Structures are given as structure tokens and as C-alpha cells.
Protein backbone atom coordinates (compact mmCIF):
# COMPACT_ATOMS: atom_id res chain seq x y z
CA MET A 1 -103.05 15.57 83.98
CA ARG A 2 -105.82 13.69 82.20
CA ALA A 3 -103.30 11.14 80.94
CA LEU A 4 -102.11 10.54 84.50
CA ILE A 5 -105.68 9.95 85.69
CA TYR A 6 -106.37 7.49 82.83
CA ALA A 7 -103.12 5.68 83.49
CA SER A 8 -103.99 5.40 87.21
CA LEU A 9 -107.47 4.05 86.41
CA LEU A 10 -106.05 1.57 83.93
CA ALA A 11 -103.40 0.40 86.38
CA ALA A 12 -106.06 -0.10 89.06
CA ALA A 13 -108.28 -2.11 86.69
CA LEU A 14 -105.54 -4.43 85.37
CA PRO A 15 -105.01 -6.57 88.49
CA ALA A 16 -108.74 -7.36 88.72
CA ALA A 17 -108.92 -8.28 85.04
CA ALA A 18 -105.73 -10.35 85.23
CA GLN A 19 -107.16 -12.46 88.07
CA THR A 20 -110.04 -13.82 85.98
CA SER A 21 -108.89 -17.02 84.31
CA SER A 22 -110.03 -18.29 80.95
CA TYR A 23 -110.41 -21.62 82.80
CA SER A 24 -112.98 -20.25 85.27
CA ASP A 25 -115.93 -21.95 83.55
CA GLN A 26 -114.17 -25.32 83.26
CA GLN A 27 -114.01 -26.40 86.89
CA ALA A 28 -117.08 -28.66 86.65
CA ARG A 29 -115.73 -30.70 83.74
CA ASP A 30 -115.62 -34.46 84.22
CA ILE A 31 -112.00 -34.38 83.05
CA LYS A 32 -110.52 -30.93 83.43
CA ALA A 33 -108.14 -31.20 80.45
CA LEU A 34 -110.89 -32.23 77.99
CA SER A 35 -114.10 -30.51 76.97
CA ALA A 36 -117.23 -32.60 76.44
CA ASP A 37 -116.78 -32.16 72.67
CA GLU A 38 -113.14 -33.28 72.83
CA MET A 39 -114.10 -36.38 74.80
CA ALA A 40 -116.91 -37.17 72.36
CA ASP A 41 -114.53 -36.75 69.39
CA LEU A 42 -111.92 -39.02 70.96
CA LEU A 43 -114.43 -41.71 71.85
CA ALA A 44 -116.06 -41.58 68.40
CA GLY A 45 -112.71 -41.80 66.59
CA ARG A 46 -113.18 -38.50 64.75
CA GLY A 47 -110.26 -36.81 63.00
CA MET A 48 -110.16 -33.62 65.09
CA ARG A 49 -107.91 -31.93 62.52
CA LEU A 50 -105.11 -34.39 63.33
CA ALA A 51 -104.50 -35.12 59.65
CA ARG A 52 -104.49 -31.52 58.45
CA ALA A 53 -100.90 -31.88 57.18
CA ALA A 54 -102.09 -34.61 54.83
CA GLU A 55 -105.43 -33.06 53.91
CA LEU A 56 -103.91 -29.73 52.89
CA ASN A 57 -101.10 -31.36 50.93
CA ARG A 58 -103.21 -33.40 48.51
CA TYR A 59 -103.77 -36.53 50.59
CA PRO A 60 -107.56 -36.96 50.75
CA GLY A 61 -109.24 -38.32 53.84
CA PRO A 62 -111.32 -41.48 53.61
CA MET A 63 -114.44 -40.02 55.23
CA HIS A 64 -114.57 -37.08 52.84
CA VAL A 65 -113.77 -39.27 49.83
CA LEU A 66 -116.75 -41.43 50.75
CA GLU A 67 -118.92 -38.33 51.11
CA LEU A 68 -117.83 -37.23 47.62
CA LYS A 69 -117.82 -40.69 46.02
CA ASP A 70 -120.25 -39.74 43.24
CA GLN A 71 -118.51 -36.46 42.35
CA LEU A 72 -115.16 -38.27 42.35
CA GLY A 73 -116.46 -41.10 40.19
CA LEU A 74 -115.19 -43.83 42.50
CA THR A 75 -115.32 -47.35 41.13
CA GLU A 76 -116.96 -49.98 43.30
CA ALA A 77 -113.51 -51.41 44.11
CA GLN A 78 -112.23 -47.96 45.15
CA ARG A 79 -115.30 -47.32 47.28
CA ALA A 80 -114.92 -50.67 49.04
CA ALA A 81 -111.20 -50.11 49.67
CA VAL A 82 -111.74 -46.56 50.99
CA GLN A 83 -114.60 -47.83 53.17
CA ALA A 84 -112.32 -50.51 54.59
CA SER A 85 -109.62 -47.91 55.31
CA PHE A 86 -112.17 -45.67 56.99
CA ALA A 87 -113.50 -48.51 59.14
CA ARG A 88 -109.96 -49.52 60.12
CA VAL A 89 -108.91 -46.01 61.16
CA ARG A 90 -112.19 -45.38 62.95
CA GLY A 91 -111.77 -48.56 65.02
CA GLU A 92 -108.15 -47.82 65.84
CA ALA A 93 -108.94 -44.19 66.63
CA GLN A 94 -111.82 -45.15 68.93
CA ALA A 95 -109.61 -47.54 70.87
CA LEU A 96 -106.80 -45.00 71.18
CA GLY A 97 -109.27 -42.22 72.01
CA ALA A 98 -110.80 -44.29 74.81
CA GLU A 99 -107.35 -44.95 76.22
CA ILE A 100 -106.48 -41.23 76.05
CA VAL A 101 -109.71 -40.36 77.88
CA ASP A 102 -108.93 -42.99 80.55
CA ARG A 103 -105.37 -41.70 81.00
CA GLU A 104 -106.56 -38.08 81.19
CA ARG A 105 -109.19 -39.11 83.76
CA ALA A 106 -106.49 -40.80 85.87
CA LEU A 107 -104.22 -37.76 85.66
CA ASP A 108 -107.10 -35.48 86.60
CA ALA A 109 -107.94 -37.73 89.58
CA ALA A 110 -104.31 -37.72 90.73
CA PHE A 111 -104.33 -33.92 90.78
CA GLU A 112 -107.72 -33.82 92.48
CA GLN A 113 -106.47 -36.21 95.18
CA GLN A 114 -103.19 -34.27 95.43
CA ALA A 115 -101.34 -37.49 94.68
CA VAL A 116 -99.03 -36.28 91.92
CA SER A 117 -95.32 -36.77 92.24
CA PRO A 118 -92.84 -35.53 89.63
CA GLU A 119 -92.25 -39.13 88.52
CA ARG A 120 -95.96 -39.93 88.26
CA LEU A 121 -96.53 -36.71 86.33
CA THR A 122 -93.74 -37.50 83.87
CA ASP A 123 -94.98 -41.05 83.34
CA ALA A 124 -98.62 -40.02 82.92
CA THR A 125 -97.96 -37.19 80.47
CA ALA A 126 -95.49 -39.28 78.46
CA ALA A 127 -98.07 -42.06 78.14
CA ILE A 128 -100.76 -39.60 77.02
CA ALA A 129 -98.40 -37.98 74.52
CA ALA A 130 -97.46 -41.37 73.07
CA LEU A 131 -101.14 -42.24 72.62
CA GLN A 132 -101.82 -38.88 71.00
CA GLY A 133 -98.94 -39.50 68.60
CA ARG A 134 -100.30 -42.93 67.69
CA LEU A 135 -103.75 -41.44 67.16
CA ARG A 136 -102.42 -38.76 64.83
CA ALA A 137 -100.33 -41.33 62.95
CA ALA A 138 -103.42 -43.52 62.47
CA HIS A 139 -105.36 -40.63 60.93
CA LEU A 140 -102.44 -39.58 58.73
CA ALA A 141 -101.89 -43.17 57.59
CA ALA A 142 -105.52 -43.37 56.45
CA HIS A 143 -104.89 -40.33 54.22
CA LEU A 144 -101.81 -42.03 52.74
CA GLU A 145 -103.78 -45.19 52.13
CA THR A 146 -106.67 -43.28 50.56
CA ARG A 147 -104.51 -41.28 48.19
CA ALA A 148 -102.92 -44.48 46.91
CA LEU A 149 -106.40 -45.72 45.94
CA LEU A 150 -107.28 -42.65 43.85
CA THR A 151 -106.21 -41.45 40.43
CA ALA A 152 -104.42 -38.12 40.02
CA ASP A 153 -107.61 -36.72 38.45
CA GLN A 154 -109.68 -37.83 41.45
CA VAL A 155 -107.22 -36.19 43.86
CA ALA A 156 -107.41 -32.95 41.84
CA ARG A 157 -111.23 -33.09 41.84
CA TYR A 158 -111.23 -33.79 45.57
CA ASP A 159 -109.06 -30.73 46.18
CA ARG A 160 -111.38 -28.54 44.10
CA LEU A 161 -114.50 -29.92 45.78
CA ARG A 162 -113.00 -29.34 49.22
CA GLY A 163 -112.01 -25.78 48.31
CA TYR A 164 -108.25 -26.28 48.08
CA GLY A 165 -107.62 -25.62 44.40
CA ALA A 166 -106.74 -22.27 42.88
CA ASP A 167 -110.07 -22.27 41.04
CA ALA A 168 -112.14 -23.40 44.03
CA PRO A 169 -114.23 -20.79 45.80
CA ALA A 170 -113.27 -20.22 49.40
CA ALA A 171 -115.98 -20.97 51.92
CA PRO A 172 -117.26 -17.90 53.78
CA GLY A 173 -114.73 -16.90 56.43
CA GLN A 174 -112.07 -19.30 55.10
CA HIS A 175 -108.99 -18.93 52.96
CA ARG A 176 -108.33 -21.00 49.88
CA HIS A 177 -105.58 -23.55 50.37
CA GLN A 178 -103.29 -23.98 47.42
CA PRO A 179 -102.07 -27.49 46.81
CA PRO A 180 -98.30 -27.72 46.36
CA GLY A 181 -96.93 -27.46 42.77
């Protein structure tokens, strides 16, 4: 009998809980699809974890290499080349990020104005996806470029310093990432 009562109470509570959306606090956003932090990251040209495939597979990122330049023992020529790579990707990423924000703003406005047709939706989302792909490629390319500027020893030191090596301590709440063989 008790089980039946609990089941009835649970069944009555579920519809109310299911109606509350995880989006309920996002209605006042300037662009509904992007948080303020996401917009800031896009406009600033930040990596936003887009190059994780490179980073976790022994392709150091230019920003972090510059942060670790002393520990890595970069030569002046390496530092200048990595700095140039970083500046190049940052500029490209900022331009692409601004275009993504503009396209997302236009898509949001089309929905707000109830002016979305299937064709317009397909075109808008395809354009945004293409820009996102170019942005990710720019960040990944900077990792390729950076690795080519470093010695094998510097890449190994980078991995250890970033916590990816077998002998590197994991940061609190994180797992160690093992570089491939």
C-alpha cells in the first residue's frame, strides 16, 4: 500500500518537474544561443577547447607555450615564431568569432520576429556551422604550427608541465592525460 502511495505521489510530481526547462534563465540573453561568456570568448579569439584533440595528443598550443617559455627553454627565434603564430590565430579567430556572433544574432532575430522559413533556417545554420569549422581549424592549425617549432624534448616537457605525462601530477578534480605511445 505504501509503495502505491509513493508511486502516486511521484507520478503527480513528475509533470510539474518536467515542465521546468533548463533554458528558463536564458530568455533575457542578447543572443539566445550564446551565453555572455561564449560571446566574449568568440570575440576575443580564445580557444574554447576547440583544439583539445591537438592539445591532448602532444601538439602544444601557442598561448600555453608562451606562458611556459622559460620552463621550456625556448630560444629567441622559437619565442618569436610562436608569438607570430599566436598573433595570427588570435586575429583569425577574432574575425571568425565576430562573424559567428553576427550570424547567431541574425538567426535569433529571425526566430524572434517569427520570420524563419525552412530554407532560411538551413542556410543560416549551415553558414554558422561552416564558420565554426573554420574557427576550429584555425585553432588546430596553430597547434600544428607550434609543435613544428619545438624540439621533442620541449614537447615532452610541455606535456609534463601541463599535467599530461605519466609522471605529471593530476590537478585537483582532473584526470591525467596520457600522451600516445
